[in-house]
């Protein structure tokens, strides 16, 4: 499976394609247009975000950090978070459930 073949953007919403799903782990390929936000509702699990292409920022605990291609961001369970695309952004996002 080539991630480049899975890239698809929508002006209405982020696009999420499941890469793997088991009882405890779910990995998706997330495609976001400029200005779109995601992951706000996922505080009940740990998350790892690997930016595949593009740039954006993550917000957590009142702080904003810039992210770009090849960056890896980790969030603990119950840690508030938001991912925002500054340019067209793609990322592999892994959710580790309780």
PDB file of N, CA and C in Angstrom:
ATOM      1  N   UNK A   1       0.845  -1.173   0.000  1.00  0.00           N
ATOM      2  CA  UNK A   1       0.000   0.000   0.000  1.00  0.00           C
ATOM      3  C   UNK A   1       0.894   1.240   0.000  1.00  0.00           C
ATOM      4  N   UNK A   2       0.696   2.099  -0.988  1.00  0.00           N
ATOM      5  CA  UNK A   2       1.464   3.340  -1.085  1.00  0.00           C
ATOM      6  C   UNK A   2       0.623   4.492  -0.552  1.00  0.00           C
ATOM      7  N   UNK A   3       1.189   5.237   0.380  1.00  0.00           N
ATOM      8  CA  UNK A   3       0.447   6.372   0.933  1.00  0.00           C
ATOM      9  C   UNK A   3       0.168   7.423  -0.134  1.00  0.00           C
ATOM     10  N   UNK A   4       1.097   7.614  -1.062  1.00  0.00           N
ATOM     11  CA  UNK A   4       0.891   8.610  -2.126  1.00  0.00           C
ATOM     12  C   UNK A   4      -0.385   8.331  -2.921  1.00  0.00           C
ATOM     13  N   UNK A   5      -0.730   7.059  -3.072  1.00  0.00           N
ATOM     14  CA  UNK A   5      -1.939   6.685  -3.812  1.00  0.00           C
ATOM     15  C   UNK A   5      -3.214   6.941  -3.008  1.00  0.00           C
ATOM     16  N   UNK A   6      -3.076   7.179  -1.699  1.00  0.00           N
ATOM     17  CA  UNK A   6      -4.234   7.378  -0.829  1.00  0.00           C
ATOM     18  C   UNK A   6      -4.549   8.858  -0.564  1.00  0.00           C
ATOM     19  N   UNK A   7      -3.720   9.750  -1.072  1.00  0.00           N
ATOM     20  CA  UNK A   7      -3.918  11.176  -0.802  1.00  0.00           C
ATOM     21  C   UNK A   7      -5.169  11.674  -1.515  1.00  0.00           C
ATOM     22  N   UNK A   8      -6.059  12.286  -0.724  1.00  0.00           N
ATOM     23  CA  UNK A   8      -7.328  12.823  -1.233  1.00  0.00           C
ATOM     24  C   UNK A   8      -7.766  13.947  -0.295  1.00  0.00           C
ATOM     25  N   UNK A   9      -8.066  15.099  -0.853  1.00  0.00           N
ATOM     26  CA  UNK A   9      -8.463  16.247  -0.049  1.00  0.00           C
ATOM     27  C   UNK A   9      -9.905  16.645  -0.341  1.00  0.00           C
ATOM     28  N   UNK A  10     -10.559  17.195   0.677  1.00  0.00           N
ATOM     29  CA  UNK A  10     -11.917  17.707   0.549  1.00  0.00           C
ATOM     30  C   UNK A  10     -11.960  19.092   1.180  1.00  0.00           C
ATOM     31  N   UNK A  11     -12.666  20.008   0.557  1.00  0.00           N
ATOM     32  CA  UNK A  11     -12.812  21.342   1.149  1.00  0.00           C
ATOM     33  C   UNK A  11     -13.807  21.335   2.293  1.00  0.00           C
ATOM     34  N   UNK A  12     -14.636  20.304   2.396  1.00  0.00           N
ATOM     35  CA  UNK A  12     -15.689  20.239   3.408  1.00  0.00           C
ATOM     36  C   UNK A  12     -15.236  19.628   4.730  1.00  0.00           C
ATOM     37  N   UNK A  13     -14.335  18.636   4.682  1.00  0.00           N
ATOM     38  CA  UNK A  13     -13.923  17.937   5.903  1.00  0.00           C
ATOM     39  C   UNK A  13     -12.591  17.239   5.683  1.00  0.00           C
ATOM     40  N   UNK A  14     -11.983  16.821   6.786  1.00  0.00           N
ATOM     41  CA  UNK A  14     -10.771  16.019   6.659  1.00  0.00           C
ATOM     42  C   UNK A  14     -11.146  14.627   6.162  1.00  0.00           C
ATOM     43  N   UNK A  15     -10.226  13.986   5.479  1.00  0.00           N
ATOM     44  CA  UNK A  15     -10.428  12.643   4.956  1.00  0.00           C
ATOM     45  C   UNK A  15      -9.557  11.698   5.783  1.00  0.00           C
ATOM     46  N   UNK A  16     -10.153  10.661   6.324  1.00  0.00           N
ATOM     47  CA  UNK A  16      -9.420   9.670   7.119  1.00  0.00           C
ATOM     48  C   UNK A  16      -9.624   8.286   6.514  1.00  0.00           C
ATOM     49  N   UNK A  17      -8.524   7.613   6.214  1.00  0.00           N
ATOM     50  CA  UNK A  17      -8.582   6.265   5.653  1.00  0.00           C
ATOM     51  C   UNK A  17      -7.900   5.306   6.626  1.00  0.00           C
ATOM     52  N   UNK A  18      -8.580   4.236   6.976  1.00  0.00           N
ATOM     53  CA  UNK A  18      -8.053   3.275   7.949  1.00  0.00           C
ATOM     54  C   UNK A  18      -6.918   2.467   7.320  1.00  0.00           C
ATOM     55  N   UNK A  19      -5.772   2.449   8.014  1.00  0.00           N
ATOM     56  CA  UNK A  19      -4.624   1.651   7.603  1.00  0.00           C
ATOM     57  C   UNK A  19      -4.580   0.326   8.364  1.00  0.00           C
ATOM     58  N   UNK A  20      -4.965   0.372   9.640  1.00  0.00           N
ATOM     59  CA  UNK A  20      -4.944  -0.819  10.501  1.00  0.00           C
ATOM     60  C   UNK A  20      -5.918  -0.596  11.647  1.00  0.00           C
ATOM     61  N   UNK A  21      -6.607  -1.672  12.040  1.00  0.00           N
ATOM     62  CA  UNK A  21      -7.494  -1.558  13.196  1.00  0.00           C
ATOM     63  C   UNK A  21      -7.535  -2.890  13.928  1.00  0.00           C
ATOM     64  N   UNK A  22      -7.270  -2.822  15.223  1.00  0.00           N
ATOM     65  CA  UNK A  22      -7.382  -3.983  16.092  1.00  0.00           C
ATOM     66  C   UNK A  22      -8.116  -3.542  17.357  1.00  0.00           C
ATOM     67  N   UNK A  23      -8.196  -4.419  18.313  1.00  0.00           N
ATOM     68  CA  UNK A  23      -8.921  -4.102  19.538  1.00  0.00           C
ATOM     69  C   UNK A  23      -8.303  -2.920  20.288  1.00  0.00           C
ATOM     70  N   UNK A  24      -6.969  -2.798  20.248  1.00  0.00           N
ATOM     71  CA  UNK A  24      -6.296  -1.771  21.039  1.00  0.00           C
ATOM     72  C   UNK A  24      -5.646  -0.652  20.231  1.00  0.00           C
ATOM     73  N   UNK A  25      -5.472  -0.849  18.926  1.00  0.00           N
ATOM     74  CA  UNK A  25      -4.757   0.126  18.105  1.00  0.00           C
ATOM     75  C   UNK A  25      -5.514   0.388  16.806  1.00  0.00           C
ATOM     76  N   UNK A  26      -5.574   1.659  16.442  1.00  0.00           N
ATOM     77  CA  UNK A  26      -6.154   2.025  15.149  1.00  0.00           C
ATOM     78  C   UNK A  26      -5.226   3.047  14.499  1.00  0.00           C
ATOM     79  N   UNK A  27      -4.840   2.805  13.252  1.00  0.00           N
ATOM     80  CA  UNK A  27      -4.006   3.740  12.502  1.00  0.00           C
ATOM     81  C   UNK A  27      -4.782   4.216  11.281  1.00  0.00           C
ATOM     82  N   UNK A  28      -4.739   5.529  11.073  1.00  0.00           N
ATOM     83  CA  UNK A  28      -5.410   6.112   9.912  1.00  0.00           C
ATOM     84  C   UNK A  28      -4.434   6.983   9.139  1.00  0.00           C
ATOM     85  N   UNK A  29      -4.759   7.210   7.881  1.00  0.00           N
ATOM     86  CA  UNK A  29      -4.038   8.175   7.056  1.00  0.00           C
ATOM     87  C   UNK A  29      -4.969   9.371   6.936  1.00  0.00           C
ATOM     88  N   UNK A  30      -4.540  10.493   7.481  1.00  0.00           N
ATOM     89  CA  UNK A  30      -5.361  11.691   7.571  1.00  0.00           C
ATOM     90  C   UNK A  30      -4.918  12.696   6.514  1.00  0.00           C
ATOM     91  N   UNK A  31      -5.877  13.205   5.727  1.00  0.00           N
ATOM     92  CA  UNK A  31      -5.607  14.215   4.701  1.00  0.00           C
ATOM     93  C   UNK A  31      -6.418  15.466   5.035  1.00  0.00           C
ATOM     94  N   UNK A  32      -5.716  16.587   5.204  1.00  0.00           N
ATOM     95  CA  UNK A  32      -6.360  17.824   5.632  1.00  0.00           C
ATOM     96  C   UNK A  32      -6.019  18.973   4.688  1.00  0.00           C
ATOM     97  N   UNK A  33      -7.022  19.762   4.338  1.00  0.00           N
ATOM     98  CA  UNK A  33      -6.826  20.977   3.563  1.00  0.00           C
ATOM     99  C   UNK A  33      -6.395  22.105   4.484  1.00  0.00           C
ATOM    100  N   UNK A  34      -5.869  23.176   3.899  1.00  0.00           N
ATOM    101  CA  UNK A  34      -5.458  24.358   4.666  1.00  0.00           C
ATOM    102  C   UNK A  34      -6.567  24.819   5.601  1.00  0.00           C
ATOM    103  N   UNK A  35      -6.216  25.059   6.862  1.00  0.00           N
ATOM    104  CA  UNK A  35      -7.152  25.596   7.829  1.00  0.00           C
ATOM    105  C   UNK A  35      -8.031  24.572   8.537  1.00  0.00           C
ATOM    106  N   UNK A  36      -8.058  23.347   8.070  1.00  0.00           N
ATOM    107  CA  UNK A  36      -8.895  22.331   8.713  1.00  0.00           C
ATOM    108  C   UNK A  36      -8.284  21.878  10.036  1.00  0.00           C
ATOM    109  N   UNK A  37      -9.157  21.491  10.977  1.00  0.00           N
ATOM    110  CA  UNK A  37      -8.741  21.019  12.292  1.00  0.00           C
ATOM    111  C   UNK A  37      -9.297  19.618  12.520  1.00  0.00           C
ATOM    112  N   UNK A  38      -8.578  18.842  13.361  1.00  0.00           N
ATOM    113  CA  UNK A  38      -9.039  17.491  13.691  1.00  0.00           C
ATOM    114  C   UNK A  38      -8.425  17.047  15.016  1.00  0.00           C
ATOM    115  N   UNK A  39      -8.859  15.923  15.492  1.00  0.00           N
ATOM    116  CA  UNK A  39      -8.381  15.200  16.671  1.00  0.00           C
ATOM    117  C   UNK A  39      -8.837  15.786  18.007  1.00  0.00           C
ATOM    118  N   UNK A  40      -9.670  16.811  18.024  1.00  0.00           N
ATOM    119  CA  UNK A  40     -10.129  17.414  19.269  1.00  0.00           C
ATOM    120  C   UNK A  40     -10.903  16.429  20.145  1.00  0.00           C
ATOM    121  N   UNK A  41     -11.589  15.486  19.534  1.00  0.00           N
ATOM    122  CA  UNK A  41     -12.474  14.572  20.259  1.00  0.00           C
ATOM    123  C   UNK A  41     -11.782  13.285  20.705  1.00  0.00           C
ATOM    124  N   UNK A  42     -10.495  13.168  20.533  1.00  0.00           N
ATOM    125  CA  UNK A  42      -9.804  11.888  20.753  1.00  0.00           C
ATOM    126  C   UNK A  42      -9.003  11.854  22.051  1.00  0.00           C
ATOM    127  N   UNK A  43      -9.469  12.496  23.100  1.00  0.00           N
ATOM    128  CA  UNK A  43      -8.672  12.603  24.329  1.00  0.00           C
ATOM    129  C   UNK A  43      -8.648  11.329  25.174  1.00  0.00           C
ATOM    130  N   UNK A  44      -9.473  10.343  24.865  1.00  0.00           N
ATOM    131  CA  UNK A  44      -9.519   9.126  25.684  1.00  0.00           C
ATOM    132  C   UNK A  44      -8.481   8.083  25.281  1.00  0.00           C
ATOM    133  N   UNK A  45      -7.521   8.443  24.417  1.00  0.00           N
ATOM    134  CA  UNK A  45      -6.488   7.503  24.009  1.00  0.00           C
ATOM    135  C   UNK A  45      -5.166   8.230  23.785  1.00  0.00           C
ATOM    136  N   UNK A  46      -4.084   7.459  23.781  1.00  0.00           N
ATOM    137  CA  UNK A  46      -2.781   8.018  23.414  1.00  0.00           C
ATOM    138  C   UNK A  46      -2.767   8.149  21.892  1.00  0.00           C
ATOM    139  N   UNK A  47      -2.011   9.121  21.397  1.00  0.00           N
ATOM    140  CA  UNK A  47      -1.940   9.326  19.951  1.00  0.00           C
ATOM    141  C   UNK A  47      -0.499   9.600  19.531  1.00  0.00           C
ATOM    142  N   UNK A  48      -0.119   9.003  18.399  1.00  0.00           N
ATOM    143  CA  UNK A  48       1.147   9.316  17.737  1.00  0.00           C
ATOM    144  C   UNK A  48       0.813   9.843  16.352  1.00  0.00           C
ATOM    145  N   UNK A  49       1.359  11.017  16.012  1.00  0.00           N
ATOM    146  CA  UNK A  49       1.131  11.622  14.702  1.00  0.00           C
ATOM    147  C   UNK A  49       2.470  11.703  13.983  1.00  0.00           C
ATOM    148  N   UNK A  50       2.562  11.080  12.814  1.00  0.00           N
ATOM    149  CA  UNK A  50       3.746  11.190  11.961  1.00  0.00           C
ATOM    150  C   UNK A  50       3.332  11.977  10.731  1.00  0.00           C
ATOM    151  N   UNK A  51       3.875  13.183  10.577  1.00  0.00           N
ATOM    152  CA  UNK A  51       3.514  14.034   9.450  1.00  0.00           C
ATOM    153  C   UNK A  51       4.185  13.484   8.198  1.00  0.00           C
ATOM    154  N   UNK A  52       3.361  13.137   7.227  1.00  0.00           N
ATOM    155  CA  UNK A  52       3.856  12.573   5.969  1.00  0.00           C
ATOM    156  C   UNK A  52       4.215  13.680   4.981  1.00  0.00           C
ATOM    157  N   UNK A  53       3.349  14.690   4.886  1.00  0.00           N
ATOM    158  CA  UNK A  53       3.632  15.826   4.003  1.00  0.00           C
ATOM    159  C   UNK A  53       2.897  17.053   4.504  1.00  0.00           C
ATOM    160  N   UNK A  54       3.391  18.207   4.104  1.00  0.00           N
ATOM    161  CA  UNK A  54       2.740  19.460   4.464  1.00  0.00           C
ATOM    162  C   UNK A  54       3.213  20.013   5.793  1.00  0.00           C
ATOM    163  N   UNK A  55       2.459  21.004   6.279  1.00  0.00           N
ATOM    164  CA  UNK A  55       2.818  21.643   7.543  1.00  0.00           C
ATOM    165  C   UNK A  55       1.558  22.080   8.268  1.00  0.00           C
ATOM    166  N   UNK A  56       1.721  22.315   9.559  1.00  0.00           N
ATOM    167  CA  UNK A  56       0.599  22.738  10.369  1.00  0.00           C
ATOM    168  C   UNK A  56       1.055  23.030  11.776  1.00  0.00           C
ATOM    169  N   UNK A  57       0.136  22.827  12.718  1.00  0.00           N
ATOM    170  CA  UNK A  57       0.469  23.032  14.116  1.00  0.00           C
ATOM    171  C   UNK A  57      -0.391  22.120  14.976  1.00  0.00           C
ATOM    172  N   UNK A  58       0.099  21.885  16.187  1.00  0.00           N
ATOM    173  CA  UNK A  58      -0.669  21.156  17.180  1.00  0.00           C
ATOM    174  C   UNK A  58      -0.857  22.080  18.376  1.00  0.00           C
ATOM    175  N   UNK A  59      -2.047  22.021  18.949  1.00  0.00           N
ATOM    176  CA  UNK A  59      -2.366  22.796  20.137  1.00  0.00           C
ATOM    177  C   UNK A  59      -2.578  21.821  21.277  1.00  0.00           C
ATOM    178  N   UNK A  60      -1.943  22.072  22.409  1.00  0.00           N
ATOM    179  CA  UNK A  60      -2.184  21.276  23.611  1.00  0.00           C
ATOM    180  C   UNK A  60      -1.849  22.111  24.830  1.00  0.00           C
ATOM    181  N   UNK A  61      -2.677  21.992  25.832  1.00  0.00           N
ATOM    182  CA  UNK A  61      -2.466  22.709  27.088  1.00  0.00           C
ATOM    183  C   UNK A  61      -2.169  24.198  26.879  1.00  0.00           C
ATOM    184  N   UNK A  62      -2.871  24.817  25.937  1.00  0.00           N
ATOM    185  CA  UNK A  62      -2.727  26.246  25.695  1.00  0.00           C
ATOM    186  C   UNK A  62      -1.508  26.647  24.887  1.00  0.00           C
ATOM    187  N   UNK A  63      -0.737  25.685  24.401  1.00  0.00           N
ATOM    188  CA  UNK A  63       0.457  25.979  23.606  1.00  0.00           C
ATOM    189  C   UNK A  63       0.270  25.510  22.174  1.00  0.00           C
ATOM    190  N   UNK A  64       0.883  26.247  21.242  1.00  0.00           N
ATOM    191  CA  UNK A  64       0.865  25.865  19.836  1.00  0.00           C
ATOM    192  C   UNK A  64       2.293  25.551  19.404  1.00  0.00           C
ATOM    193  N   UNK A  65       2.472  24.413  18.718  1.00  0.00           N
ATOM    194  CA  UNK A  65       3.780  24.033  18.188  1.00  0.00           C
ATOM    195  C   UNK A  65       3.651  23.797  16.697  1.00  0.00           C
ATOM    196  N   UNK A  66       4.607  24.328  15.954  1.00  0.00           N
ATOM    197  CA  UNK A  66       4.643  24.123  14.511  1.00  0.00           C
ATOM    198  C   UNK A  66       5.094  22.695  14.211  1.00  0.00           C
ATOM    199  N   UNK A  67       4.518  22.094  13.173  1.00  0.00           N
ATOM    200  CA  UNK A  67       4.924  20.762  12.727  1.00  0.00           C
ATOM    201  C   UNK A  67       5.075  20.764  11.216  1.00  0.00           C
ATOM    202  N   UNK A  68       5.915  19.871  10.721  1.00  0.00           N
ATOM    203  CA  UNK A  68       6.151  19.776   9.280  1.00  0.00           C
ATOM    204  C   UNK A  68       6.509  18.328   8.931  1.00  0.00           C
ATOM    205  N   UNK A  69       6.682  18.086   7.658  1.00  0.00           N
ATOM    206  CA  UNK A  69       6.996  16.758   7.136  1.00  0.00           C
ATOM    207  C   UNK A  69       8.081  16.065   7.961  1.00  0.00           C
ATOM    208  N   UNK A  70       7.844  14.807   8.298  1.00  0.00           N
ATOM    209  CA  UNK A  70       8.732  13.912   9.042  1.00  0.00           C
ATOM    210  C   UNK A  70       8.737  14.160  10.549  1.00  0.00           C
ATOM    211  N   UNK A  71       7.946  15.111  11.046  1.00  0.00           N
ATOM    212  CA  UNK A  71       7.844  15.323  12.494  1.00  0.00           C
ATOM    213  C   UNK A  71       6.973  14.242  13.117  1.00  0.00           C
ATOM    214  N   UNK A  72       7.317  13.873  14.343  1.00  0.00           N
ATOM    215  CA  UNK A  72       6.551  12.915  15.119  1.00  0.00           C
ATOM    216  C   UNK A  72       6.083  13.602  16.393  1.00  0.00           C
ATOM    217  N   UNK A  73       4.771  13.540  16.658  1.00  0.00           N
ATOM    218  CA  UNK A  73       4.185  14.180  17.835  1.00  0.00           C
ATOM    219  C   UNK A  73       3.460  13.103  18.639  1.00  0.00           C
ATOM    220  N   UNK A  74       3.682  13.089  19.949  1.00  0.00           N
ATOM    221  CA  UNK A  74       3.043  12.118  20.834  1.00  0.00           C
ATOM    222  C   UNK A  74       2.173  12.842  21.847  1.00  0.00           C
ATOM    223  N   UNK A  75       0.969  12.322  22.076  1.00  0.00           N
ATOM    224  CA  UNK A  75       0.048  12.862  23.067  1.00  0.00           C
ATOM    225  C   UNK A  75      -0.324  11.759  24.045  1.00  0.00           C
ATOM    226  N   UNK A  76      -0.349  12.098  25.314  1.00  0.00           N
ATOM    227  CA  UNK A  76      -0.786  11.172  26.340  1.00  0.00           C
ATOM    228  C   UNK A  76      -2.314  11.128  26.392  1.00  0.00           C
ATOM    229  N   UNK A  77      -2.837  10.109  27.006  1.00  0.00           N
ATOM    230  CA  UNK A  77      -4.279   9.974  27.221  1.00  0.00           C
ATOM    231  C   UNK A  77      -4.766  11.151  28.062  1.00  0.00           C
ATOM    232  N   UNK A  78      -5.962  11.629  27.803  1.00  0.00           N
ATOM    233  CA  UNK A  78      -6.608  12.741  28.510  1.00  0.00           C
ATOM    234  C   UNK A  78      -5.896  14.076  28.344  1.00  0.00           C
ATOM    235  N   UNK A  79      -4.974  14.176  27.413  1.00  0.00           N
ATOM    236  CA  UNK A  79      -4.289  15.437  27.117  1.00  0.00           C
ATOM    237  C   UNK A  79      -5.049  16.117  25.978  1.00  0.00           C
ATOM    238  N   UNK A  80      -5.560  17.334  26.197  1.00  0.00           N
ATOM    239  CA  UNK A  80      -6.295  18.004  25.119  1.00  0.00           C
ATOM    240  C   UNK A  80      -5.378  18.237  23.921  1.00  0.00           C
ATOM    241  N   UNK A  81      -5.957  18.096  22.717  1.00  0.00           N
ATOM    242  CA  UNK A  81      -5.119  18.276  21.516  1.00  0.00           C
ATOM    243  C   UNK A  81      -5.978  18.666  20.330  1.00  0.00           C
ATOM    244  N   UNK A  82      -5.371  19.440  19.442  1.00  0.00           N
ATOM    245  CA  UNK A  82      -5.973  19.793  18.158  1.00  0.00           C
ATOM    246  C   UNK A  82      -4.864  19.824  17.122  1.00  0.00           C
ATOM    247  N   UNK A  83      -5.113  19.236  15.978  1.00  0.00           N
ATOM    248  CA  UNK A  83      -4.196  19.286  14.841  1.00  0.00           C
ATOM    249  C   UNK A  83      -4.803  20.230  13.819  1.00  0.00           C
ATOM    250  N   UNK A  84      -4.007  21.207  13.351  1.00  0.00           N
ATOM    251  CA  UNK A  84      -4.488  22.178  12.360  1.00  0.00           C
ATOM    252  C   UNK A  84      -3.515  22.226  11.185  1.00  0.00           C
ATOM    253  N   UNK A  85      -4.063  22.171   9.968  1.00  0.00           N
ATOM    254  CA  UNK A  85      -3.247  22.225   8.754  1.00  0.00           C
ATOM    255  C   UNK A  85      -3.008  23.679   8.330  1.00  0.00           C
ATOM    256  N   UNK A  86      -1.752  24.018   8.082  1.00  0.00           N
ATOM    257  CA  UNK A  86      -1.429  25.339   7.528  1.00  0.00           C
ATOM    258  C   UNK A  86      -1.361  25.256   6.008  1.00  0.00           C
ATOM    259  N   UNK A  87      -0.814  24.145   5.513  1.00  0.00           N
ATOM    260  CA  UNK A  87      -0.841  23.823   4.082  1.00  0.00           C
ATOM    261  C   UNK A  87      -1.580  22.498   3.984  1.00  0.00           C
ATOM    262  N   UNK A  88      -1.731  21.975   2.789  1.00  0.00           N
ATOM    263  CA  UNK A  88      -2.309  20.628   2.676  1.00  0.00           C
ATOM    264  C   UNK A  88      -1.407  19.693   3.471  1.00  0.00           C
ATOM    265  N   UNK A  89      -2.000  18.971   4.412  1.00  0.00           N
ATOM    266  CA  UNK A  89      -1.228  18.151   5.341  1.00  0.00           C
ATOM    267  C   UNK A  89      -1.730  16.713   5.300  1.00  0.00           C
ATOM    268  N   UNK A  90      -0.791  15.780   5.276  1.00  0.00           N
ATOM    269  CA  UNK A  90      -1.135  14.367   5.409  1.00  0.00           C
ATOM    270  C   UNK A  90      -0.332  13.801   6.565  1.00  0.00           C
ATOM    271  N   UNK A  91      -0.928  12.858   7.288  1.00  0.00           N
ATOM    272  CA  UNK A  91      -0.245  12.285   8.443  1.00  0.00           C
ATOM    273  C   UNK A  91      -0.778  10.888   8.728  1.00  0.00           C
ATOM    274  N   UNK A  92       0.102  10.053   9.263  1.00  0.00           N
ATOM    275  CA  UNK A  92      -0.313   8.766   9.791  1.00  0.00           C
ATOM    276  C   UNK A  92      -0.562   8.990  11.278  1.00  0.00           C
ATOM    277  N   UNK A  93      -1.799   8.710  11.700  1.00  0.00           N
ATOM    278  CA  UNK A  93      -2.191   8.923  13.084  1.00  0.00           C
ATOM    279  C   UNK A  93      -2.540   7.574  13.700  1.00  0.00           C
ATOM    280  N   UNK A  94      -1.882   7.265  14.815  1.00  0.00           N
ATOM    281  CA  UNK A  94      -2.140   5.999  15.513  1.00  0.00           C
ATOM    282  C   UNK A  94      -2.766   6.292  16.863  1.00  0.00           C
ATOM    283  N   UNK A  95      -3.917   5.681  17.108  1.00  0.00           N
ATOM    284  CA  UNK A  95      -4.646   5.809  18.362  1.00  0.00           C
ATOM    285  C   UNK A  95      -4.404   4.548  19.177  1.00  0.00           C
ATOM    286  N   UNK A  96      -3.951   4.699  20.418  1.00  0.00           N
ATOM    287  CA  UNK A  96      -3.735   3.565  21.306  1.00  0.00           C
ATOM    288  C   UNK A  96      -4.808   3.640  22.378  1.00  0.00           C
ATOM    289  N   UNK A  97      -5.746   2.700  22.310  1.00  0.00           N
ATOM    290  CA  UNK A  97      -6.910   2.730  23.188  1.00  0.00           C
ATOM    291  C   UNK A  97      -6.578   2.200  24.572  1.00  0.00           C
ATOM    292  N   UNK A  98      -7.469   2.469  25.514  1.00  0.00           N
ATOM    293  CA  UNK A  98      -7.305   1.989  26.903  1.00  0.00           C
ATOM    294  C   UNK A  98      -7.287   0.487  26.946  1.00  0.00           C
TER     295      UNK A  98
END
